[in-house]
Amino acid sequence: MEGLLNIIRVGSRFLNVIAGISLTFMMGLTVLDVILRSFRKPIVGTYELVAFSGAVVIGFSLPFTSWIRGHIYVDFIISRFSKKIRNAFNIVTRCLVIWLFLMIGWNLIKYGMDLQKSGEVSLTLQMPFYPVAYGIGICCFIQCLTIGCDFLKIYRGKYE
């Protein structure tokens, strides 16, 4: 079990590094575009590149954020219950989250296939949309694995 947890942790961390690189690119591009606009030489397609990068940042950072539990976690009501009830609540909510991300991932893959089939591209740079849809869809499936690891953590008593 430790091997599986380690593989998913390393995979999530790798996706988070990609999200960090994308965020750095997005910030650098925005700063450079603002500077060049003062010289009347804006970077063509900055809006599209920032939009694509923003999608990559959000989608690729999800699994690792869930792994480290870096999201907003409101537990002031749940913390009053016994550990057994808290574990049951966590298992039920994790099942719902896995179902949700399976549906999101599946629909993003289907949407990516539709985008690829239609050949839809961005207006200025003519970049295809489908790789971003595929990438975020795959990240949703990895998010499901990450949330699935919570079951192991709950079972072993290492979730809290």
N, C-alpha and C. Protein backbone atom coordinates (compact mmCIF):
# COMPACT_ATOMS: atom_id res chain seq x y z
N MET A 1 0.80 -1.20 0.00
CA MET A 1 0.00 0.00 0.00
C MET A 1 0.85 1.27 0.00
N GLU A 2 1.97 1.23 0.70
CA GLU A 2 2.85 2.41 0.73
C GLU A 2 3.34 2.76 -0.66
N GLY A 3 3.61 1.72 -1.47
CA GLY A 3 4.07 1.97 -2.84
C GLY A 3 3.03 2.69 -3.67
N LEU A 4 1.78 2.27 -3.55
CA LEU A 4 0.70 2.92 -4.28
C LEU A 4 0.53 4.37 -3.84
N LEU A 5 0.55 4.59 -2.54
CA LEU A 5 0.43 5.95 -2.03
C LEU A 5 1.58 6.82 -2.51
N ASN A 6 2.77 6.26 -2.54
CA ASN A 6 3.94 7.01 -2.98
C ASN A 6 3.87 7.36 -4.46
N ILE A 7 3.40 6.42 -5.29
CA ILE A 7 3.27 6.67 -6.73
C ILE A 7 2.28 7.80 -6.98
N ILE A 8 1.15 7.75 -6.29
CA ILE A 8 0.14 8.79 -6.50
C ILE A 8 0.63 10.13 -5.96
N ARG A 9 1.34 10.12 -4.84
CA ARG A 9 1.89 11.36 -4.30
C ARG A 9 2.90 11.97 -5.26
N VAL A 10 3.80 11.15 -5.81
CA VAL A 10 4.82 11.66 -6.74
C VAL A 10 4.17 12.15 -8.03
N GLY A 11 3.16 11.41 -8.54
CA GLY A 11 2.46 11.85 -9.74
C GLY A 11 1.74 13.17 -9.54
N SER A 12 1.10 13.30 -8.38
CA SER A 12 0.41 14.56 -8.07
C SER A 12 1.40 15.70 -7.94
N ARG A 13 2.53 15.42 -7.34
CA ARG A 13 3.57 16.45 -7.18
C ARG A 13 4.11 16.88 -8.54
N PHE A 14 4.29 15.93 -9.45
CA PHE A 14 4.75 16.23 -10.81
C PHE A 14 3.77 17.16 -11.52
N LEU A 15 2.47 16.85 -11.42
CA LEU A 15 1.46 17.72 -12.03
C LEU A 15 1.48 19.10 -11.41
N ASN A 16 1.73 19.16 -10.11
CA ASN A 16 1.81 20.45 -9.43
C ASN A 16 3.01 21.27 -9.92
N VAL A 17 4.11 20.61 -10.24
CA VAL A 17 5.27 21.30 -10.79
C VAL A 17 4.92 21.89 -12.16
N ILE A 18 4.19 21.13 -12.97
CA ILE A 18 3.75 21.65 -14.27
C ILE A 18 2.86 22.87 -14.07
N ALA A 19 1.96 22.80 -13.08
CA ALA A 19 1.10 23.95 -12.78
C ALA A 19 1.93 25.14 -12.34
N GLY A 20 2.96 24.92 -11.56
CA GLY A 20 3.84 26.01 -11.12
C GLY A 20 4.59 26.64 -12.27
N ILE A 21 5.07 25.81 -13.18
CA ILE A 21 5.76 26.34 -14.36
C ILE A 21 4.79 27.16 -15.21
N SER A 22 3.58 26.67 -15.35
CA SER A 22 2.57 27.39 -16.11
C SER A 22 2.22 28.72 -15.45
N LEU A 23 2.13 28.73 -14.13
CA LEU A 23 1.84 29.98 -13.41
C LEU A 23 2.98 30.98 -13.58
N THR A 24 4.21 30.50 -13.50
CA THR A 24 5.37 31.36 -13.69
C THR A 24 5.38 31.94 -15.10
N PHE A 25 5.08 31.09 -16.09
CA PHE A 25 5.00 31.56 -17.48
C PHE A 25 3.93 32.62 -17.62
N MET A 26 2.78 32.39 -17.01
CA MET A 26 1.66 33.32 -17.10
C MET A 26 2.02 34.67 -16.49
N MET A 27 2.66 34.65 -15.34
CA MET A 27 3.06 35.91 -14.70
C MET A 27 4.12 36.63 -15.52
N GLY A 28 5.12 35.91 -15.98
CA GLY A 28 6.17 36.53 -16.79
C GLY A 28 5.64 37.12 -18.08
N LEU A 29 4.75 36.39 -18.72
CA LEU A 29 4.16 36.88 -19.97
C LEU A 29 3.35 38.14 -19.72
N THR A 30 2.58 38.16 -18.64
CA THR A 30 1.76 39.33 -18.34
C THR A 30 2.63 40.55 -18.05
N VAL A 31 3.67 40.37 -17.25
CA VAL A 31 4.57 41.47 -16.92
C VAL A 31 5.26 41.98 -18.19
N LEU A 32 5.76 41.06 -19.00
CA LEU A 32 6.44 41.44 -20.23
C LEU A 32 5.48 42.18 -21.18
N ASP A 33 4.24 41.71 -21.27
CA ASP A 33 3.27 42.36 -22.13
C ASP A 33 2.96 43.78 -21.65
N VAL A 34 2.83 43.97 -20.34
CA VAL A 34 2.57 45.31 -19.79
C VAL A 34 3.75 46.24 -20.10
N ILE A 35 4.96 45.74 -19.93
CA ILE A 35 6.14 46.57 -20.21
C ILE A 35 6.21 46.92 -21.70
N LEU A 36 5.99 45.93 -22.56
CA LEU A 36 6.07 46.18 -24.00
C LEU A 36 4.93 47.07 -24.50
N ARG A 37 3.78 47.04 -23.83
CA ARG A 37 2.67 47.93 -24.22
C ARG A 37 3.04 49.40 -24.02
N SER A 38 3.89 49.66 -23.03
CA SER A 38 4.31 51.06 -22.83
C SER A 38 5.17 51.55 -24.00
N PHE A 39 5.78 50.62 -24.74
CA PHE A 39 6.55 50.96 -25.94
C PHE A 39 5.75 50.74 -27.21
N ARG A 40 4.44 50.52 -27.07
CA ARG A 40 3.53 50.29 -28.19
C ARG A 40 3.87 49.02 -28.97
N LYS A 41 4.38 48.01 -28.29
CA LYS A 41 4.71 46.72 -28.92
C LYS A 41 4.13 45.57 -28.10
N PRO A 42 2.80 45.43 -28.01
CA PRO A 42 2.23 44.35 -27.19
C PRO A 42 2.51 42.98 -27.80
N ILE A 43 2.48 41.99 -26.95
CA ILE A 43 2.67 40.60 -27.40
C ILE A 43 1.33 40.10 -27.94
N VAL A 44 1.33 39.64 -29.17
CA VAL A 44 0.11 39.15 -29.80
C VAL A 44 -0.28 37.80 -29.17
N GLY A 45 -1.55 37.69 -28.78
CA GLY A 45 -2.05 36.43 -28.24
C GLY A 45 -1.85 36.25 -26.75
N THR A 46 -1.48 37.31 -26.06
CA THR A 46 -1.25 37.20 -24.61
C THR A 46 -2.50 36.73 -23.89
N TYR A 47 -3.64 37.27 -24.27
CA TYR A 47 -4.89 36.90 -23.62
C TYR A 47 -5.15 35.39 -23.74
N GLU A 48 -4.94 34.85 -24.94
CA GLU A 48 -5.15 33.41 -25.16
C GLU A 48 -4.16 32.57 -24.36
N LEU A 49 -2.90 32.97 -24.38
CA LEU A 49 -1.89 32.20 -23.66
C LEU A 49 -2.13 32.22 -22.15
N VAL A 50 -2.57 33.37 -21.63
CA VAL A 50 -2.87 33.46 -20.20
C VAL A 50 -4.09 32.61 -19.87
N ALA A 51 -5.08 32.58 -20.75
CA ALA A 51 -6.27 31.76 -20.51
C ALA A 51 -5.91 30.27 -20.51
N PHE A 52 -5.13 29.83 -21.49
CA PHE A 52 -4.70 28.43 -21.53
C PHE A 52 -3.88 28.09 -20.29
N SER A 53 -2.95 28.97 -19.94
CA SER A 53 -2.10 28.73 -18.77
C SER A 53 -2.91 28.69 -17.48
N GLY A 54 -3.90 29.56 -17.37
CA GLY A 54 -4.76 29.56 -16.19
C GLY A 54 -5.51 28.25 -16.04
N ALA A 55 -5.99 27.71 -17.14
CA ALA A 55 -6.67 26.42 -17.10
C ALA A 55 -5.72 25.32 -16.66
N VAL A 56 -4.50 25.36 -17.16
CA VAL A 56 -3.50 24.35 -16.77
C VAL A 56 -3.16 24.49 -15.28
N VAL A 57 -3.01 25.71 -14.80
CA VAL A 57 -2.69 25.94 -13.38
C VAL A 57 -3.79 25.35 -12.50
N ILE A 58 -5.02 25.65 -12.81
CA ILE A 58 -6.13 25.18 -11.97
C ILE A 58 -6.25 23.66 -12.03
N GLY A 59 -6.28 23.10 -13.22
CA GLY A 59 -6.49 21.67 -13.37
C GLY A 59 -5.34 20.82 -12.84
N PHE A 60 -4.11 21.24 -13.13
CA PHE A 60 -2.96 20.43 -12.77
C PHE A 60 -2.58 20.56 -11.29
N SER A 61 -3.05 21.60 -10.62
CA SER A 61 -2.72 21.74 -9.20
C SER A 61 -3.73 21.04 -8.28
N LEU A 62 -4.86 20.62 -8.81
CA LEU A 62 -5.89 19.99 -7.98
C LEU A 62 -5.42 18.74 -7.22
N PRO A 63 -4.80 17.76 -7.88
CA PRO A 63 -4.46 16.53 -7.15
C PRO A 63 -3.51 16.75 -5.97
N PHE A 64 -2.47 17.54 -6.16
CA PHE A 64 -1.52 17.73 -5.07
C PHE A 64 -2.13 18.58 -3.95
N THR A 65 -2.95 19.55 -4.31
CA THR A 65 -3.63 20.35 -3.29
C THR A 65 -4.51 19.47 -2.43
N SER A 66 -5.19 18.52 -3.06
CA SER A 66 -6.00 17.57 -2.28
C SER A 66 -5.12 16.65 -1.45
N TRP A 67 -3.98 16.26 -1.99
CA TRP A 67 -3.09 15.37 -1.26
C TRP A 67 -2.62 16.01 0.05
N ILE A 68 -2.21 17.27 -0.03
CA ILE A 68 -1.71 17.95 1.17
C ILE A 68 -2.84 18.60 1.97
N ARG A 69 -4.07 18.44 1.48
CA ARG A 69 -5.26 19.02 2.11
C ARG A 69 -5.10 20.53 2.24
N GLY A 70 -4.70 21.15 1.13
CA GLY A 70 -4.49 22.58 1.10
C GLY A 70 -5.73 23.37 0.75
N HIS A 71 -6.82 22.69 0.52
CA HIS A 71 -8.07 23.38 0.19
C HIS A 71 -8.77 23.85 1.47
N ILE A 72 -9.80 24.61 1.29
CA ILE A 72 -10.58 25.08 2.44
C ILE A 72 -11.26 23.88 3.07
N TYR A 73 -11.13 23.77 4.35
CA TYR A 73 -11.68 22.62 5.07
C TYR A 73 -12.43 23.14 6.28
N VAL A 74 -13.74 23.06 6.24
CA VAL A 74 -14.57 23.55 7.33
C VAL A 74 -15.00 22.34 8.15
N ASP A 75 -14.42 22.22 9.33
CA ASP A 75 -14.69 21.03 10.14
C ASP A 75 -15.20 21.34 11.53
N PHE A 76 -15.64 22.56 11.76
CA PHE A 76 -16.05 22.90 13.12
C PHE A 76 -17.28 22.13 13.58
N ILE A 77 -18.13 21.69 12.67
CA ILE A 77 -19.28 20.87 13.05
C ILE A 77 -18.87 19.41 13.14
N ILE A 78 -18.11 18.94 12.18
CA ILE A 78 -17.70 17.53 12.14
C ILE A 78 -16.80 17.18 13.31
N SER A 79 -15.97 18.10 13.74
CA SER A 79 -15.00 17.82 14.81
C SER A 79 -15.67 17.50 16.14
N ARG A 80 -16.93 17.82 16.28
CA ARG A 80 -17.64 17.55 17.54
C ARG A 80 -18.11 16.10 17.64
N PHE A 81 -18.10 15.38 16.53
CA PHE A 81 -18.56 13.99 16.53
C PHE A 81 -17.42 13.05 16.91
N SER A 82 -17.78 11.81 17.17
CA SER A 82 -16.77 10.80 17.49
C SER A 82 -15.95 10.47 16.24
N LYS A 83 -14.81 9.85 16.45
CA LYS A 83 -13.92 9.52 15.33
C LYS A 83 -14.61 8.58 14.34
N LYS A 84 -15.41 7.66 14.84
CA LYS A 84 -16.11 6.72 13.97
C LYS A 84 -17.09 7.46 13.04
N ILE A 85 -17.83 8.41 13.57
CA ILE A 85 -18.78 9.18 12.75
C ILE A 85 -18.02 10.08 11.78
N ARG A 86 -16.93 10.69 12.24
CA ARG A 86 -16.12 11.52 11.34
C ARG A 86 -15.58 10.70 10.18
N ASN A 87 -15.09 9.48 10.48
CA ASN A 87 -14.58 8.62 9.41
C ASN A 87 -15.69 8.24 8.43
N ALA A 88 -16.87 7.92 8.94
CA ALA A 88 -18.00 7.59 8.06
C ALA A 88 -18.36 8.79 7.18
N PHE A 89 -18.40 9.97 7.78
CA PHE A 89 -18.69 11.19 7.02
C PHE A 89 -17.63 11.41 5.94
N ASN A 90 -16.37 11.24 6.30
CA ASN A 90 -15.28 11.42 5.33
C ASN A 90 -15.37 10.41 4.20
N ILE A 91 -15.73 9.18 4.49
CA ILE A 91 -15.85 8.17 3.45
C ILE A 91 -16.99 8.52 2.49
N VAL A 92 -18.13 8.92 3.04
CA VAL A 92 -19.27 9.28 2.18
C VAL A 92 -18.92 10.48 1.31
N THR A 93 -18.33 11.50 1.88
CA THR A 93 -18.00 12.68 1.08
C THR A 93 -16.93 12.36 0.04
N ARG A 94 -15.99 11.48 0.36
CA ARG A 94 -14.96 11.11 -0.62
C ARG A 94 -15.58 10.33 -1.77
N CYS A 95 -16.56 9.49 -1.49
CA CYS A 95 -17.26 8.78 -2.56
C CYS A 95 -17.97 9.76 -3.50
N LEU A 96 -18.61 10.76 -2.93
CA LEU A 96 -19.28 11.78 -3.75
C LEU A 96 -18.28 12.57 -4.59
N VAL A 97 -17.14 12.90 -3.99
CA VAL A 97 -16.12 13.67 -4.71
C VAL A 97 -15.52 12.83 -5.85
N ILE A 98 -15.29 11.55 -5.60
CA ILE A 98 -14.77 10.69 -6.66
C ILE A 98 -15.77 10.61 -7.81
N TRP A 99 -17.04 10.43 -7.49
CA TRP A 99 -18.07 10.39 -8.53
C TRP A 99 -18.08 11.70 -9.32
N LEU A 100 -18.03 12.82 -8.62
CA LEU A 100 -18.04 14.13 -9.28
C LEU A 100 -16.87 14.29 -10.24
N PHE A 101 -15.65 13.96 -9.78
CA PHE A 101 -14.48 14.14 -10.64
C PHE A 101 -14.42 13.10 -11.75
N LEU A 102 -15.00 11.92 -11.54
CA LEU A 102 -15.11 10.97 -12.66
C LEU A 102 -16.00 11.54 -13.75
N MET A 103 -17.11 12.14 -13.36
CA MET A 103 -18.03 12.74 -14.33
C MET A 103 -17.38 13.93 -15.04
N ILE A 104 -16.69 14.78 -14.28
CA ILE A 104 -16.03 15.94 -14.89
C ILE A 104 -14.94 15.47 -15.86
N GLY A 105 -14.11 14.52 -15.42
CA GLY A 105 -13.04 14.02 -16.28
C GLY A 105 -13.58 13.37 -17.54
N TRP A 106 -14.61 12.54 -17.40
CA TRP A 106 -15.20 11.87 -18.55
C TRP A 106 -15.75 12.89 -19.55
N ASN A 107 -16.46 13.89 -19.04
CA ASN A 107 -17.03 14.91 -19.94
C ASN A 107 -15.97 15.80 -20.56
N LEU A 108 -14.88 16.05 -19.86
CA LEU A 108 -13.79 16.83 -20.46
C LEU A 108 -13.10 16.04 -21.58
N ILE A 109 -12.94 14.74 -21.39
CA ILE A 109 -12.35 13.91 -22.45
C ILE A 109 -13.29 13.90 -23.66
N LYS A 110 -14.58 13.72 -23.42
CA LYS A 110 -15.55 13.76 -24.53
C LYS A 110 -15.54 15.13 -25.22
N TYR A 111 -15.48 16.19 -24.44
CA TYR A 111 -15.43 17.54 -25.00
C TYR A 111 -14.15 17.74 -25.82
N GLY A 112 -13.03 17.22 -25.30
CA GLY A 112 -11.77 17.31 -26.04
C GLY A 112 -11.85 16.57 -27.36
N MET A 113 -12.51 15.41 -27.38
CA MET A 113 -12.67 14.68 -28.63
C MET A 113 -13.53 15.47 -29.62
N ASP A 114 -14.57 16.13 -29.12
CA ASP A 114 -15.40 16.97 -29.99
C ASP A 114 -14.60 18.15 -30.53
N LEU A 115 -13.79 18.77 -29.66
CA LEU A 115 -12.95 19.89 -30.11
C LEU A 115 -11.93 19.43 -31.15
N GLN A 116 -11.36 18.26 -30.94
CA GLN A 116 -10.38 17.74 -31.88
C GLN A 116 -11.04 17.42 -33.22
N LYS A 117 -12.21 16.82 -33.16
CA LYS A 117 -12.93 16.45 -34.38
C LYS A 117 -13.34 17.68 -35.18
N SER A 118 -13.78 18.73 -34.47
CA SER A 118 -14.23 19.94 -35.16
C SER A 118 -13.06 20.83 -35.60
N GLY A 119 -11.89 20.62 -35.00
CA GLY A 119 -10.72 21.43 -35.36
C GLY A 119 -10.76 22.83 -34.82
N GLU A 120 -11.50 23.03 -33.73
CA GLU A 120 -11.64 24.37 -33.16
C GLU A 120 -10.31 24.86 -32.58
N VAL A 121 -9.97 26.10 -32.91
CA VAL A 121 -8.72 26.71 -32.46
C VAL A 121 -8.99 28.11 -31.92
N SER A 122 -8.02 28.67 -31.23
CA SER A 122 -8.16 30.02 -30.70
C SER A 122 -8.09 31.03 -31.85
N LEU A 123 -8.64 32.21 -31.60
CA LEU A 123 -8.78 33.19 -32.68
C LEU A 123 -7.46 33.77 -33.16
N THR A 124 -6.61 34.20 -32.25
CA THR A 124 -5.41 34.93 -32.65
C THR A 124 -4.26 34.01 -33.02
N LEU A 125 -3.94 33.09 -32.13
CA LEU A 125 -2.76 32.23 -32.34
C LEU A 125 -3.07 30.92 -33.07
N GLN A 126 -4.34 30.63 -33.25
CA GLN A 126 -4.77 29.40 -33.93
C GLN A 126 -4.29 28.14 -33.19
N MET A 127 -4.26 28.24 -31.87
CA MET A 127 -3.86 27.09 -31.04
C MET A 127 -5.09 26.21 -30.79
N PRO A 128 -4.95 24.88 -30.90
CA PRO A 128 -6.10 24.01 -30.64
C PRO A 128 -6.45 23.97 -29.15
N PHE A 129 -7.75 23.84 -28.88
CA PHE A 129 -8.24 23.80 -27.51
C PHE A 129 -8.16 22.40 -26.89
N TYR A 130 -8.22 21.36 -27.72
CA TYR A 130 -8.39 20.01 -27.20
C TYR A 130 -7.28 19.51 -26.28
N PRO A 131 -5.99 19.90 -26.47
CA PRO A 131 -5.00 19.37 -25.53
C PRO A 131 -5.25 19.82 -24.09
N VAL A 132 -5.75 21.03 -23.92
CA VAL A 132 -6.04 21.53 -22.57
C VAL A 132 -7.20 20.74 -21.97
N ALA A 133 -8.23 20.48 -22.76
CA ALA A 133 -9.37 19.70 -22.27
C ALA A 133 -8.94 18.28 -21.90
N TYR A 134 -8.11 17.65 -22.73
CA TYR A 134 -7.60 16.31 -22.40
C TYR A 134 -6.76 16.34 -21.11
N GLY A 135 -5.87 17.33 -21.02
CA GLY A 135 -4.99 17.41 -19.85
C GLY A 135 -5.76 17.58 -18.56
N ILE A 136 -6.75 18.46 -18.55
CA ILE A 136 -7.52 18.68 -17.34
C ILE A 136 -8.40 17.47 -17.05
N GLY A 137 -8.90 16.81 -18.09
CA GLY A 137 -9.68 15.58 -17.88
C GLY A 137 -8.85 14.49 -17.22
N ILE A 138 -7.62 14.33 -17.68
CA ILE A 138 -6.72 13.33 -17.08
C ILE A 138 -6.40 13.72 -15.63
N CYS A 139 -6.22 15.00 -15.39
CA CYS A 139 -5.97 15.45 -14.01
C CYS A 139 -7.16 15.16 -13.11
N CYS A 140 -8.37 15.22 -13.65
CA CYS A 140 -9.55 14.86 -12.85
C CYS A 140 -9.52 13.38 -12.47
N PHE A 141 -9.07 12.53 -13.39
CA PHE A 141 -8.96 11.11 -13.06
C PHE A 141 -7.87 10.87 -12.01
N ILE A 142 -6.78 11.60 -12.10
CA ILE A 142 -5.73 11.50 -11.09
C ILE A 142 -6.24 12.04 -9.75
N GLN A 143 -7.08 13.06 -9.81
CA GLN A 143 -7.72 13.57 -8.60
C GLN A 143 -8.54 12.47 -7.93
N CYS A 144 -9.22 11.65 -8.73
CA CYS A 144 -9.99 10.53 -8.17
C CYS A 144 -9.06 9.55 -7.44
N LEU A 145 -7.91 9.27 -8.01
CA LEU A 145 -6.95 8.38 -7.34
C LEU A 145 -6.44 9.00 -6.05
N THR A 146 -6.20 10.31 -6.08
CA THR A 146 -5.73 11.01 -4.88
C THR A 146 -6.77 10.94 -3.78
N ILE A 147 -8.01 11.19 -4.12
CA ILE A 147 -9.08 11.10 -3.13
C ILE A 147 -9.26 9.66 -2.67
N GLY A 148 -9.07 8.71 -3.58
CA GLY A 148 -9.13 7.29 -3.21
C GLY A 148 -8.09 6.92 -2.17
N CYS A 149 -6.95 7.58 -2.22
CA CYS A 149 -5.91 7.33 -1.21
C CYS A 149 -6.38 7.74 0.18
N ASP A 150 -7.32 8.68 0.24
CA ASP A 150 -7.86 9.07 1.55
C ASP A 150 -8.54 7.88 2.23
N PHE A 151 -9.14 6.97 1.44
CA PHE A 151 -9.74 5.79 2.04
C PHE A 151 -8.70 4.97 2.80
N LEU A 152 -7.53 4.81 2.18
CA LEU A 152 -6.45 4.07 2.85
C LEU A 152 -5.98 4.80 4.10
N LYS A 153 -5.88 6.11 4.01
CA LYS A 153 -5.45 6.90 5.16
C LYS A 153 -6.48 6.80 6.29
N ILE A 154 -7.76 6.85 5.95
CA ILE A 154 -8.82 6.74 6.96
C ILE A 154 -8.77 5.35 7.60
N TYR A 155 -8.64 4.32 6.78
CA TYR A 155 -8.60 2.95 7.27
C TYR A 155 -7.43 2.72 8.21
N ARG A 156 -6.29 3.31 7.89
CA ARG A 156 -5.08 3.13 8.70
C ARG A 156 -5.02 4.10 9.88
N GLY A 157 -5.99 5.00 9.99
CA GLY A 157 -6.02 5.95 11.10
C GLY A 157 -5.05 7.09 10.96
N LYS A 158 -4.60 7.39 9.73
CA LYS A 158 -3.62 8.44 9.51
C LYS A 158 -4.20 9.62 8.74
N TYR A 159 -5.52 9.75 8.74
CA TYR A 159 -6.15 10.82 7.96
C TYR A 159 -6.19 12.14 8.72
N GLU A 160 -6.42 12.09 9.98
CA GLU A 160 -6.61 13.31 10.79
C GLU A 160 -5.35 14.12 10.86
